[in-house]
């Protein structure tokens, strides 16, 4: 019995998902800790308002990382009543189509993030945010968070990071499904 070599992209996808899972776990602990800190400081009459905002951002980052892991594991919620009734060959075709759609969506999201952050135009203005905003009316680099005072583009960075990771996961899944003689699992 021979084993097939594991493609490099599949290995990269699994390792990336491991890093994402560890980061999501740390963020989950941070959310819990921040909520407890919030309860304690409010009870003591010395509320720290930035804690609420930081907890929200940590939860958003955790959710985005979880979404990427879900793509890698093919464990998204799905209704399979129709696909389960299909013959194996058609089932495989539908599974490949789903993998292709997820890959196309992740590429589209990555492209949208590229347009949103527009690093080439920012670089063309020698990283002058004022010149960038004046020319593009894109205020991404200028908007601060409400209480923490950090530029929001640092918070929003989870979107392009997730889009890049999703692209890796989706491509690895698609290539693996194309290599496999059996249908890829749909959930």
Protein backbone atom coordinates (compact mmCIF):
# COMPACT_ATOMS: atom_id res chain seq x y z
CA UNK A 1 0.00 0.00 0.00
CA UNK A 2 1.48 3.32 -1.04
CA UNK A 3 0.66 6.61 0.55
CA UNK A 4 0.27 9.70 -1.53
CA UNK A 5 2.55 12.60 -0.70
CA UNK A 6 0.86 15.49 1.07
CA UNK A 7 0.93 18.61 -1.08
CA UNK A 8 2.85 21.56 0.31
CA UNK A 9 -0.24 23.77 0.18
CA UNK A 10 -2.26 21.33 2.30
CA UNK A 11 0.53 21.24 4.89
CA UNK A 12 0.70 25.04 4.89
CA UNK A 13 -3.08 25.23 5.28
CA UNK A 14 -3.06 22.84 8.26
CA UNK A 15 -0.22 24.69 9.98
CA UNK A 16 -1.86 28.05 9.34
CA UNK A 17 -5.12 26.71 10.81
CA UNK A 18 -3.18 25.57 13.88
CA UNK A 19 -1.80 29.07 14.36
CA UNK A 20 -5.27 30.54 13.83
CA UNK A 21 -6.77 28.12 16.39
CA UNK A 22 -4.13 29.03 18.97
CA UNK A 23 -4.69 32.75 18.36
CA UNK A 24 -8.48 32.30 18.57
CA UNK A 25 -8.06 30.45 21.85
CA UNK A 26 -5.94 33.27 23.27
CA UNK A 27 -8.50 35.79 22.09
CA UNK A 28 -11.31 33.81 23.74
CA UNK A 29 -9.37 33.90 27.01
CA UNK A 30 -8.75 37.63 26.51
CA UNK A 31 -12.48 38.27 25.97
CA UNK A 32 -13.32 36.40 29.17
CA UNK A 33 -10.61 38.25 31.09
CA UNK A 34 -11.69 41.62 29.74
CA UNK A 35 -15.32 40.99 30.64
CA UNK A 36 -14.31 40.00 34.18
CA UNK A 37 -12.13 43.10 34.43
CA UNK A 38 -15.06 45.18 33.22
CA UNK A 39 -17.38 43.68 35.86
CA UNK A 40 -14.80 44.22 38.61
CA UNK A 41 -14.02 47.83 37.70
CA UNK A 42 -17.69 48.75 37.31
CA UNK A 43 -18.50 47.13 40.65
CA UNK A 44 -15.69 49.13 42.24
CA UNK A 45 -17.12 52.32 40.71
CA UNK A 46 -14.06 52.89 38.51
CA UNK A 47 -15.19 51.69 35.09
CA UNK A 48 -12.58 51.41 32.35
CA UNK A 49 -14.53 52.22 29.21
CA UNK A 50 -11.81 51.08 26.83
CA UNK A 51 -12.24 47.51 28.14
CA UNK A 52 -15.65 47.19 26.42
CA UNK A 53 -14.22 48.25 23.09
CA UNK A 54 -11.19 46.00 23.39
CA UNK A 55 -13.38 43.02 24.28
CA UNK A 56 -15.50 43.65 21.19
CA UNK A 57 -12.46 43.83 18.94
CA UNK A 58 -11.01 40.66 20.47
CA UNK A 59 -14.31 38.87 19.85
CA UNK A 60 -14.44 40.08 16.24
CA UNK A 61 -10.89 38.88 15.61
CA UNK A 62 -11.75 35.54 17.22
CA UNK A 63 -14.81 35.18 14.97
CA UNK A 64 -12.82 35.93 11.81
CA UNK A 65 -10.14 33.42 12.79
CA UNK A 66 -12.85 30.86 13.52
CA UNK A 67 -14.38 31.46 10.10
CA UNK A 68 -11.05 30.79 8.43
CA UNK A 69 -10.59 27.59 10.44
CA UNK A 70 -14.10 26.52 9.42
CA UNK A 71 -13.13 26.90 5.76
CA UNK A 72 -9.96 24.83 6.29
CA UNK A 73 -11.83 22.06 8.07
CA UNK A 74 -14.84 22.18 5.74
CA UNK A 75 -16.99 22.26 8.85
CA UNK A 76 -19.41 25.03 8.00
CA UNK A 77 -23.10 24.58 8.66
CA UNK A 78 -24.79 23.15 5.60
CA UNK A 79 -28.02 21.57 4.52
CA UNK A 80 -27.18 18.35 2.68
CA UNK A 81 -30.60 16.81 2.12
CA UNK A 82 -30.33 17.36 -1.64
CA UNK A 83 -26.65 16.52 -2.08
CA UNK A 84 -26.95 13.37 0.01
CA UNK A 85 -29.54 12.06 -2.47
CA UNK A 86 -27.28 12.63 -5.48
CA UNK A 87 -25.37 9.82 -7.17
CA UNK A 88 -21.65 9.74 -6.19
CA UNK A 89 -20.38 11.30 -9.42
CA UNK A 90 -22.80 14.23 -9.22
CA UNK A 91 -22.13 14.55 -5.48
CA UNK A 92 -18.40 14.93 -6.26
CA UNK A 93 -19.17 17.56 -8.89
CA UNK A 94 -21.29 19.56 -6.45
CA UNK A 95 -18.56 19.28 -3.79
CA UNK A 96 -15.97 20.56 -6.28
CA UNK A 97 -18.29 23.40 -7.26
CA UNK A 98 -18.70 24.39 -3.61
CA UNK A 99 -14.91 24.36 -3.11
CA UNK A 100 -14.50 26.48 -6.26
CA UNK A 101 -17.13 28.99 -5.08
CA UNK A 102 -15.48 29.31 -1.67
CA UNK A 103 -12.09 29.82 -3.35
CA UNK A 104 -13.57 32.46 -5.71
CA UNK A 105 -15.21 34.23 -2.77
CA UNK A 106 -11.97 34.28 -0.78
CA UNK A 107 -10.09 35.71 -3.79
CA UNK A 108 -12.81 38.34 -4.22
CA UNK A 109 -12.58 39.28 -0.52
CA UNK A 110 -8.80 39.50 -0.81
CA UNK A 111 -9.15 41.77 -3.83
CA UNK A 112 -11.68 43.98 -1.99
CA UNK A 113 -9.26 44.30 0.93
CA UNK A 114 -6.47 45.27 -1.46
CA UNK A 115 -8.70 47.99 -2.89
CA UNK A 116 -9.79 49.07 0.60
CA UNK A 117 -6.30 49.40 2.06
CA UNK A 118 -4.84 50.56 -1.29
CA UNK A 119 -1.18 50.16 -0.27
CA UNK A 120 0.17 51.05 -3.72
CA UNK A 121 -1.51 54.46 -3.75
CA UNK A 122 -0.45 55.08 -0.14
CA UNK A 123 3.14 54.24 -1.08
CA UNK A 124 2.93 56.52 -4.13
CA UNK A 125 2.27 59.41 -1.72
CA UNK A 126 5.33 58.43 0.35
CA UNK A 127 2.98 57.10 3.05
CA UNK A 128 1.52 60.56 3.62
CA UNK A 129 -1.95 59.86 4.97
CA UNK A 130 -3.08 63.45 4.33
CA UNK A 131 -2.10 63.25 0.64
CA UNK A 132 -3.66 59.79 0.35
CA UNK A 133 -6.96 60.96 1.87
CA UNK A 134 -6.98 64.12 -0.23
CA UNK A 135 -6.56 62.17 -3.45
CA UNK A 136 -8.66 59.06 -2.78
CA UNK A 137 -11.22 60.16 -0.14
CA UNK A 138 -10.38 56.87 1.56
CA UNK A 139 -10.23 57.59 5.29
CA UNK A 140 -9.16 54.11 6.40
CA UNK A 141 -5.81 55.31 7.76
CA UNK A 142 -7.22 58.30 9.58
CA UNK A 143 -10.14 56.97 11.65
CA UNK A 144 -9.29 56.24 15.31
CA UNK A 145 -11.10 53.86 17.64
CA UNK A 146 -13.54 55.45 20.10
CA UNK A 147 -11.83 54.86 23.44
CA UNK A 148 -8.52 53.09 22.79
CA UNK A 149 -7.27 55.75 20.38
CA UNK A 150 -5.63 53.28 17.98
CA UNK A 151 -6.04 53.77 14.24
CA UNK A 152 -8.90 51.52 13.14
CA UNK A 153 -6.97 50.12 10.19
CA UNK A 154 -5.00 48.06 12.73
CA UNK A 155 -8.26 46.60 14.03
CA UNK A 156 -9.65 46.06 10.54
CA UNK A 157 -6.45 44.26 9.50
CA UNK A 158 -8.14 41.01 10.51
CA UNK A 159 -10.24 41.18 7.32
CA UNK A 160 -7.34 41.01 4.82
CA UNK A 161 -5.46 38.55 7.04
CA UNK A 162 -8.51 36.27 7.12
CA UNK A 163 -9.06 36.71 3.38
CA UNK A 164 -5.48 35.62 2.72
CA UNK A 165 -5.76 32.63 5.06
CA UNK A 166 -9.15 31.66 3.58
CA UNK A 167 -7.62 31.78 0.11
CA UNK A 168 -4.87 29.38 1.18
CA UNK A 169 -7.39 27.05 2.86
CA UNK A 170 -9.87 27.15 0.00
CA UNK A 171 -7.21 26.52 -2.64
CA UNK A 172 -5.77 23.64 -0.61
CA UNK A 173 -9.26 22.15 -0.23
CA UNK A 174 -10.00 22.56 -3.93
CA UNK A 175 -6.72 20.98 -5.02
CA UNK A 176 -7.16 18.16 -2.55
CA UNK A 177 -10.69 17.52 -3.82
CA UNK A 178 -9.45 17.51 -7.42
CA UNK A 179 -6.74 14.96 -6.49
CA UNK A 180 -9.11 12.74 -4.57
CA UNK A 181 -11.14 10.14 -6.45
CA UNK A 182 -13.88 10.43 -3.82
CA UNK A 183 -16.12 13.38 -3.17
CA UNK A 184 -14.82 16.01 -0.80
CA UNK A 185 -16.84 16.22 2.40
CA UNK A 186 -19.37 19.05 2.40
CA UNK A 187 -19.69 19.17 6.19
